[in-house]
Protein backbone atom coordinates (compact mmCIF):
# COMPACT_ATOMS: atom_id res chain seq x y z
CA MET A 1 -8.49 -53.29 0.89
CA ASP A 2 -8.77 -50.93 -2.08
CA LEU A 3 -5.20 -51.22 -3.32
CA ASP A 4 -5.35 -48.15 -5.59
CA ALA A 5 -6.81 -45.94 -2.89
CA TYR A 6 -4.31 -47.17 -0.30
CA SER A 7 -1.37 -46.60 -2.65
CA ALA A 8 -2.62 -43.13 -3.61
CA ALA A 9 -2.97 -42.16 0.07
CA HIS A 10 0.65 -43.09 0.82
CA THR A 11 2.40 -42.26 -2.47
CA ASP A 12 3.97 -39.03 -1.20
CA GLU A 13 5.24 -40.75 1.94
CA TRP A 14 6.80 -43.60 -0.05
CA ARG A 15 8.37 -41.18 -2.50
CA ARG A 16 9.94 -39.26 0.38
CA LEU A 17 11.24 -42.52 1.91
CA ASP A 18 12.83 -43.45 -1.42
CA GLU A 19 14.40 -39.99 -1.71
CA LEU A 20 15.92 -40.20 1.77
CA GLY A 21 17.16 -43.73 1.11
CA ARG A 22 19.18 -42.50 -1.86
CA ARG A 23 21.05 -39.86 0.14
CA ARG A 24 24.61 -40.26 1.36
CA THR A 25 24.60 -37.73 4.21
CA PHE A 26 21.90 -36.57 6.60
CA SER A 27 21.19 -33.73 8.97
CA GLY A 28 19.88 -34.64 12.41
CA ALA A 29 16.27 -33.86 11.38
CA GLU A 30 16.59 -35.89 8.18
CA ALA A 31 18.00 -38.84 10.10
CA ASP A 32 15.03 -38.73 12.46
CA GLU A 33 12.66 -38.52 9.49
CA LEU A 34 14.32 -41.49 7.77
CA ILE A 35 13.80 -43.69 10.83
CA GLU A 36 10.17 -42.59 11.20
CA ARG A 37 9.35 -43.15 7.53
CA TYR A 38 11.13 -46.51 7.54
CA GLN A 39 9.03 -47.69 10.47
CA ALA A 40 5.80 -46.42 8.89
CA GLY A 41 6.72 -47.94 5.51
CA ALA A 42 7.43 -51.34 7.05
CA THR A 43 3.98 -51.31 8.67
CA GLU A 44 2.33 -50.30 5.40
CA LEU A 45 4.21 -53.00 3.43
CA SER A 46 3.00 -55.59 5.92
CA ALA A 47 -0.58 -54.39 5.42
CA LEU A 48 -0.19 -54.56 1.63
CA LYS A 49 1.17 -58.11 1.67
CA THR A 50 -1.47 -59.30 4.11
CA SER A 51 -4.35 -57.91 2.07
CA ALA A 52 -3.16 -58.16 -1.54
CA GLY A 53 -0.09 -60.41 -1.61
CA SER A 54 2.64 -59.51 -4.06
CA THR A 55 1.93 -56.22 -5.86
CA VAL A 56 3.89 -53.72 -7.93
CA ALA A 57 3.39 -51.02 -5.29
CA GLY A 58 4.51 -53.41 -2.55
CA ASP A 59 7.62 -54.46 -4.49
CA ARG A 60 8.61 -50.84 -5.02
CA LEU A 61 8.08 -50.05 -1.37
CA SER A 62 10.15 -53.11 -0.41
CA VAL A 63 13.07 -51.83 -2.53
CA SER A 64 12.81 -48.38 -0.91
CA LEU A 65 12.77 -49.94 2.54
CA SER A 66 15.80 -52.08 1.74
CA ARG A 67 17.72 -49.06 0.49
CA ALA A 68 16.73 -47.02 3.55
CA ARG A 69 17.74 -49.84 5.88
CA GLN A 70 21.24 -49.84 4.41
CA ARG A 71 21.62 -46.21 5.42
CA PHE A 72 21.55 -47.03 9.12
CA THR A 73 22.68 -50.65 9.31
CA ALA A 74 25.74 -50.60 7.07
CA ALA A 75 29.06 -51.35 8.73
CA ALA A 76 30.81 -48.24 9.97
CA GLY A 77 33.69 -47.00 7.89
CA ASN A 78 36.91 -45.42 9.08
CA PRO A 79 35.86 -42.98 11.86
CA LEU A 80 38.85 -40.77 11.04
CA ALA A 81 37.14 -39.89 7.76
CA ALA A 82 34.52 -37.92 9.71
CA ILE A 83 37.08 -35.66 11.43
CA PRO A 84 37.43 -33.07 8.62
CA ALA A 85 33.64 -32.67 8.38
CA PHE A 86 33.45 -32.20 12.14
CA PHE A 87 35.96 -29.34 12.25
CA VAL A 88 35.02 -27.70 8.94
CA GLN A 89 31.22 -28.01 9.08
CA GLN A 90 29.58 -29.32 12.25
CA LEU A 91 31.58 -27.54 14.96
CA PRO A 92 31.77 -24.08 13.33
CA ALA A 93 28.05 -24.22 12.44
CA ALA A 94 27.17 -25.02 16.06
CA LEU A 95 29.37 -22.15 17.29
CA TYR A 96 27.85 -19.78 14.74
CA ARG A 97 24.36 -20.49 16.07
CA LEU A 98 25.53 -19.29 19.50
CA ARG A 99 27.27 -16.12 18.32
CA TRP A 100 24.80 -13.55 19.71
CA ILE A 101 24.40 -15.37 23.02
CA ILE A 102 28.20 -15.39 23.31
CA VAL A 103 28.28 -11.61 22.76
CA VAL A 104 25.61 -11.02 25.44
CA VAL A 105 27.32 -13.34 27.94
CA ALA A 106 30.71 -11.68 27.33
CA ALA A 107 29.30 -8.16 27.66
CA ALA A 108 27.45 -9.02 30.88
CA THR A 109 30.51 -10.69 32.43
CA ILE A 110 32.82 -7.80 31.55
CA ALA A 111 30.30 -5.28 32.90
CA VAL A 112 29.95 -7.14 36.22
CA SER A 113 33.74 -7.48 36.52
CA ALA A 114 34.17 -3.75 35.91
CA LEU A 115 31.57 -2.90 38.55
CA TYR A 116 33.27 -5.15 41.10
CA ALA A 117 36.67 -3.63 40.29
CA PHE A 118 35.31 -0.09 40.63
CA TRP A 119 33.62 -0.97 43.94
CA VAL A 120 36.73 -2.59 45.43
CA MET A 121 39.05 0.13 44.19
CA ASN A 122 36.99 3.04 45.55
CA ASP A 123 35.60 1.70 48.83
CA PRO A 124 38.21 1.36 51.59
CA GLN A 125 35.90 -0.76 53.72
CA VAL A 126 35.40 -3.29 50.95
CA LEU A 127 39.13 -3.30 50.22
CA ALA A 128 39.88 -3.93 53.89
CA ASN A 129 37.86 -7.15 53.72
CA PHE A 130 40.54 -8.65 51.48
CA GLY A 131 43.43 -7.98 53.85
CA THR A 132 45.73 -5.37 55.28
CA ASP A 133 47.82 -3.09 53.08
CA GLU A 134 50.79 -5.40 53.59
CA GLN A 135 48.75 -8.45 52.56
CA LEU A 136 47.40 -6.68 49.50
CA GLN A 137 50.93 -5.66 48.49
CA LYS A 138 52.05 -9.26 48.89
CA PHE A 139 49.13 -10.44 46.74
CA ALA A 140 49.95 -7.95 43.97
CA GLN A 141 53.72 -8.37 43.97
CA ASN A 142 54.01 -12.09 44.66
CA ASP A 143 50.87 -14.21 44.68
CA PHE A 144 49.23 -12.82 41.55
CA VAL A 145 52.37 -12.94 39.40
CA ASN A 146 53.97 -16.07 40.86
CA TYR A 147 50.77 -18.08 40.39
CA TYR A 148 51.74 -18.48 36.73
CA SER A 149 55.30 -19.64 37.38
CA ASP A 150 55.25 -21.58 40.67
CA ASN A 151 54.91 -24.88 38.78
CA PRO A 152 56.67 -26.21 35.66
CA ALA A 153 55.05 -24.85 32.52
CA ALA A 154 53.94 -28.23 31.18
CA SER A 155 52.25 -29.36 34.39
CA PHE A 156 50.67 -25.93 34.90
CA THR A 157 49.31 -26.07 31.34
CA GLY A 158 47.72 -29.44 32.02
CA GLN A 159 46.26 -28.20 35.31
CA VAL A 160 44.57 -25.10 33.88
CA TRP A 161 43.44 -26.99 30.78
CA THR A 162 41.61 -29.67 32.75
CA ASN A 163 40.20 -27.13 35.20
CA ASN A 164 38.79 -24.88 32.49
CA ALA A 165 37.52 -27.81 30.43
CA TRP A 166 35.71 -29.06 33.55
CA ILE A 167 34.10 -25.64 34.10
CA THR A 168 32.86 -25.37 30.52
CA ALA A 169 31.62 -28.98 30.54
CA GLN A 170 29.61 -28.18 33.66
CA CYS A 171 28.10 -25.15 31.94
CA VAL A 172 26.90 -27.32 29.06
CA ALA A 173 25.82 -30.29 31.19
CA PHE A 174 24.00 -28.31 33.88
CA GLY A 175 22.79 -25.47 31.67
CA ILE A 176 19.28 -26.91 31.66
CA ALA A 177 19.02 -26.02 35.37
CA GLY A 178 18.92 -22.34 34.43
CA VAL A 179 20.75 -21.00 37.49
CA TYR A 180 24.05 -22.85 37.23
CA VAL A 181 25.47 -20.92 34.27
CA PRO A 182 24.74 -17.46 35.78
CA TYR A 183 26.30 -18.66 39.05
CA ILE A 184 29.53 -19.76 37.31
CA LEU A 185 29.70 -16.50 35.34
CA LEU A 186 29.11 -14.42 38.45
CA GLN A 187 31.90 -16.24 40.33
CA ASN A 188 34.33 -15.65 37.47
CA ALA A 189 33.31 -12.01 37.08
CA MET A 190 33.68 -11.42 40.83
CA ASN A 191 37.15 -13.01 40.98
CA ILE A 192 38.39 -11.02 38.00
CA GLY A 193 36.86 -7.81 39.34
CA VAL A 194 38.35 -8.20 42.82
CA SER A 195 41.83 -8.91 41.44
CA ALA A 196 41.59 -5.94 39.11
CA GLY A 197 40.33 -3.67 41.87
CA VAL A 198 43.18 -4.59 44.23
CA LEU A 199 45.90 -4.16 41.60
CA PHE A 200 44.50 -0.90 40.25
CA HIS A 201 44.20 0.45 43.79
CA LEU A 202 47.91 -0.27 44.26
CA GLY A 203 48.77 1.38 40.95
CA GLN A 204 49.62 -1.92 39.22
CA GLY A 205 46.88 -2.10 36.60
CA ASP A 206 49.53 -2.79 33.98
CA VAL A 207 50.53 -5.96 35.86
CA PHE A 208 46.91 -7.10 35.90
CA PHE A 209 46.54 -6.80 32.12
CA ALA A 210 50.01 -8.22 31.41
CA TYR A 211 49.18 -11.43 33.26
CA ILE A 212 45.48 -11.77 32.37
CA LEU A 213 45.12 -10.76 28.74
CA PRO A 214 47.63 -13.08 26.98
CA HIS A 215 45.71 -16.25 27.82
CA GLY A 216 42.52 -14.70 29.20
CA MET A 217 41.24 -13.40 25.88
CA LEU A 218 40.89 -16.91 24.46
CA GLU A 219 40.22 -18.70 27.75
CA LEU A 220 37.37 -16.43 28.80
CA THR A 221 35.89 -16.52 25.31
CA ALA A 222 35.82 -20.33 25.49
CA ILE A 223 34.05 -20.13 28.86
CA PHE A 224 31.56 -17.67 27.38
CA VAL A 225 30.90 -20.17 24.58
CA GLY A 226 30.31 -22.96 27.08
CA ALA A 227 27.97 -20.71 29.05
CA ALA A 228 26.11 -19.76 25.88
CA ALA A 229 25.66 -23.44 25.03
CA GLY A 230 24.25 -24.15 28.48
CA LEU A 231 21.84 -21.21 28.23
CA ARG A 232 20.75 -22.37 24.79
CA ILE A 233 19.83 -25.78 26.21
CA PHE A 234 17.90 -24.08 29.03
CA TRP A 235 16.01 -21.94 26.51
CA ALA A 236 15.18 -25.00 24.39
CA TRP A 237 13.46 -26.42 27.47
CA ILE A 238 11.68 -23.16 28.36
CA ALA A 239 10.58 -22.19 24.83
CA PRO A 240 10.72 -25.21 22.48
CA GLY A 241 8.66 -23.43 19.83
CA GLY A 242 6.79 -25.82 17.57
CA ARG A 243 8.71 -28.79 18.94
CA THR A 244 8.04 -30.87 22.00
CA ARG A 245 10.40 -30.20 24.89
CA ALA A 246 11.96 -33.63 24.47
CA GLN A 247 12.53 -33.03 20.77
CA ALA A 248 13.97 -29.55 21.36
CA LEU A 249 16.36 -30.82 24.03
CA ALA A 250 17.43 -33.75 21.83
CA GLU A 251 18.09 -31.60 18.76
CA ASP A 252 19.88 -28.75 20.56
CA GLY A 253 21.68 -31.20 22.83
CA ARG A 254 23.23 -32.97 19.82
CA ALA A 255 24.54 -29.69 18.43
CA LEU A 256 25.81 -28.42 21.76
CA PHE A 257 27.58 -31.68 22.52
CA THR A 258 29.57 -30.79 19.40
CA VAL A 259 30.51 -27.48 21.04
CA ALA A 260 31.65 -29.20 24.24
CA ILE A 261 34.04 -31.39 22.23
CA GLY A 262 35.41 -28.44 20.29
CA LEU A 263 36.08 -26.36 23.40
CA VAL A 264 38.48 -29.01 24.69
CA PHE A 265 40.85 -28.10 21.86
CA VAL A 266 40.31 -24.34 22.25
CA LEU A 267 41.10 -24.55 25.96
CA LEU A 268 44.21 -26.58 25.23
CA VAL A 269 45.51 -23.65 23.17
CA SER A 270 44.68 -21.15 25.92
CA GLY A 271 46.32 -23.47 28.47
CA VAL A 272 49.52 -23.57 26.42
CA ILE A 273 49.53 -19.77 26.26
CA GLU A 274 48.90 -19.52 30.01
CA GLY A 275 51.67 -21.98 30.81
CA PHE A 276 54.33 -20.91 28.33
CA VAL A 277 53.61 -17.27 27.39
CA THR A 278 51.88 -15.49 30.30
CA PRO A 279 54.71 -16.02 32.86
CA GLN A 280 57.45 -14.88 30.49
CA PRO A 281 59.15 -11.53 31.21
CA TRP A 282 58.60 -10.43 27.62
CA PRO A 283 57.47 -6.95 26.58
CA TRP A 284 53.70 -6.72 26.96
CA PRO A 285 53.03 -6.06 23.23
CA ILE A 286 54.49 -9.49 22.40
CA LYS A 287 52.44 -11.36 24.99
CA PHE A 288 49.34 -9.34 24.18
CA GLY A 289 49.86 -9.93 20.45
CA ILE A 290 50.04 -13.71 20.90
CA GLY A 291 46.82 -13.72 22.88
CA LEU A 292 45.09 -11.41 20.42
CA LEU A 293 46.16 -13.58 17.48
CA ALA A 294 44.70 -16.68 19.17
CA LEU A 295 41.43 -14.86 19.91
CA ALA A 296 41.22 -13.49 16.36
CA ALA A 297 41.67 -16.98 14.93
CA PHE A 298 38.85 -18.33 17.11
CA VAL A 299 36.52 -15.44 16.22
CA PHE A 300 37.30 -15.93 12.53
CA TYR A 301 36.49 -19.63 12.92
CA ILE A 302 33.13 -18.84 14.54
CA VAL A 303 32.02 -15.98 12.30
CA PHE A 304 33.42 -16.79 8.87
CA VAL A 305 33.93 -20.56 8.83
CA GLY A 306 30.79 -21.05 10.92
CA GLY A 307 28.78 -18.63 8.82
CA ARG A 308 29.74 -20.45 5.64
CA ALA A 309 28.81 -23.83 7.14
CA HIS A 310 25.51 -22.42 8.43
CA ARG A 311 24.58 -20.99 5.03
CA ALA A 312 25.40 -24.38 3.49
CA GLY A 313 22.66 -25.92 5.63
CA GLN A 314 24.67 -27.23 8.56
CA THR A 315 22.89 -27.06 11.92
CA GLY A 316 25.76 -28.24 14.10
CA ASP A 317 24.21 -31.64 14.80
CA LEU A 318 26.42 -34.70 15.01
CA GLU A 319 25.08 -35.76 11.65
CA ALA A 320 26.26 -39.32 11.72
CA PHE A 321 23.69 -40.21 14.38
CA ASP A 322 19.92 -40.48 14.33
CA ALA A 323 17.55 -39.81 17.22
CA GLY A 324 18.28 -43.17 18.78
CA ALA A 325 22.05 -42.72 18.53
CA THR A 326 22.05 -45.02 15.46
CA ARG A 327 24.98 -44.30 13.20
CA LEU A 328 24.10 -43.35 9.65
CA VAL A 329 26.84 -44.37 7.25
CA ALA A 330 26.98 -43.91 3.54
CA GLY A 331 26.44 -47.15 1.66
C-alpha cells in the first residue's frame, strides 16, 4: 500500500469524522453521517494497520474514531434535560415545516363543511333524510347542546382527549396510505356541515357557533396538523427528491413523530376547554374569547417560535437519535 496516497485520498473524510466527533449536538442528518463515517473510518484504520502497522495517520484516525464512538456509546444523562429543547426547538420547528400544508388542509375542510351545510339547509329532501321536523328540533334543542354536559366535565374531557388524540395519531400513522387522511377529513367536514345545516335551517346558527367554536378552534387545528403530518409522510414516499424512499420516510418520519407527541398536549388543552368551558351558560364572547386565545397561542407557537427554531437550523428531527435509533449523548 502507498501510505501517502491512501492518506491523501481519505484526508477529507477523516477530517470530517474528527469534526463530527467534537460536536456536542447533532441533527438527524449529522447523526446519520457520523455513523457512516465511523464505520468507514474503522474499515480504513484496519486496512492501514494491516498494511503498514503503526503510523502517524493511523494513530490520528484512531483518536478520531475513539472520540466519535463516545458520541453514541456514552451513558445517557438525565432524560428530563432534553425536555426544554424538545418544546422550544424540535417540536415548533417540525410544526413550522407543515405550516402551508396545515393552511391548505384547513381551507379545504372548511370549504367542504360549508358546502355540506348549504346543501342540507337548502334542500328539503336532503334535510328529510336526517329525520322529521320534530326529530330535528330535538337534535338542535337537546342532543346537540346536552352532548357537552351529559357527563361530568372531568370524564368528558378525558373522553374527547383520548378520542381526538387517537384520530390524529391515525392520521400520522396511516398517512403513508394516501387515502386515509382525506377520508378522515371528509368525515369530519361532513359531520360539521350536517350539524351546521340543521341548526341554521332551524334558525339556531348562534347555538352552533356557541358550542363549536370555544373548543373547536384549537381542536380542529390540531386535527389539521395531524392530517398535514400524514400527508407529508405520503408525499415523502411519492416524491422523495434526491433521497431514496427509505431515507425520505425515515427522515420525515422522525420529525413527524415529534408532531404526534406534541399534539397530545395540544388536544389536552382543547379537551379541557370542551369539558369545562363549552357547556357553560356564559355569554358567547367569553367562551369565544377563551377559544380564540388558545388558538392564537398555538398559532404563535407554530409561526414565531417555530420560525425562529427553523431559521436556527432545526429540522424537527428527534435529534438525540441516529438512523438506527442509537441515542447520541454529549460526552
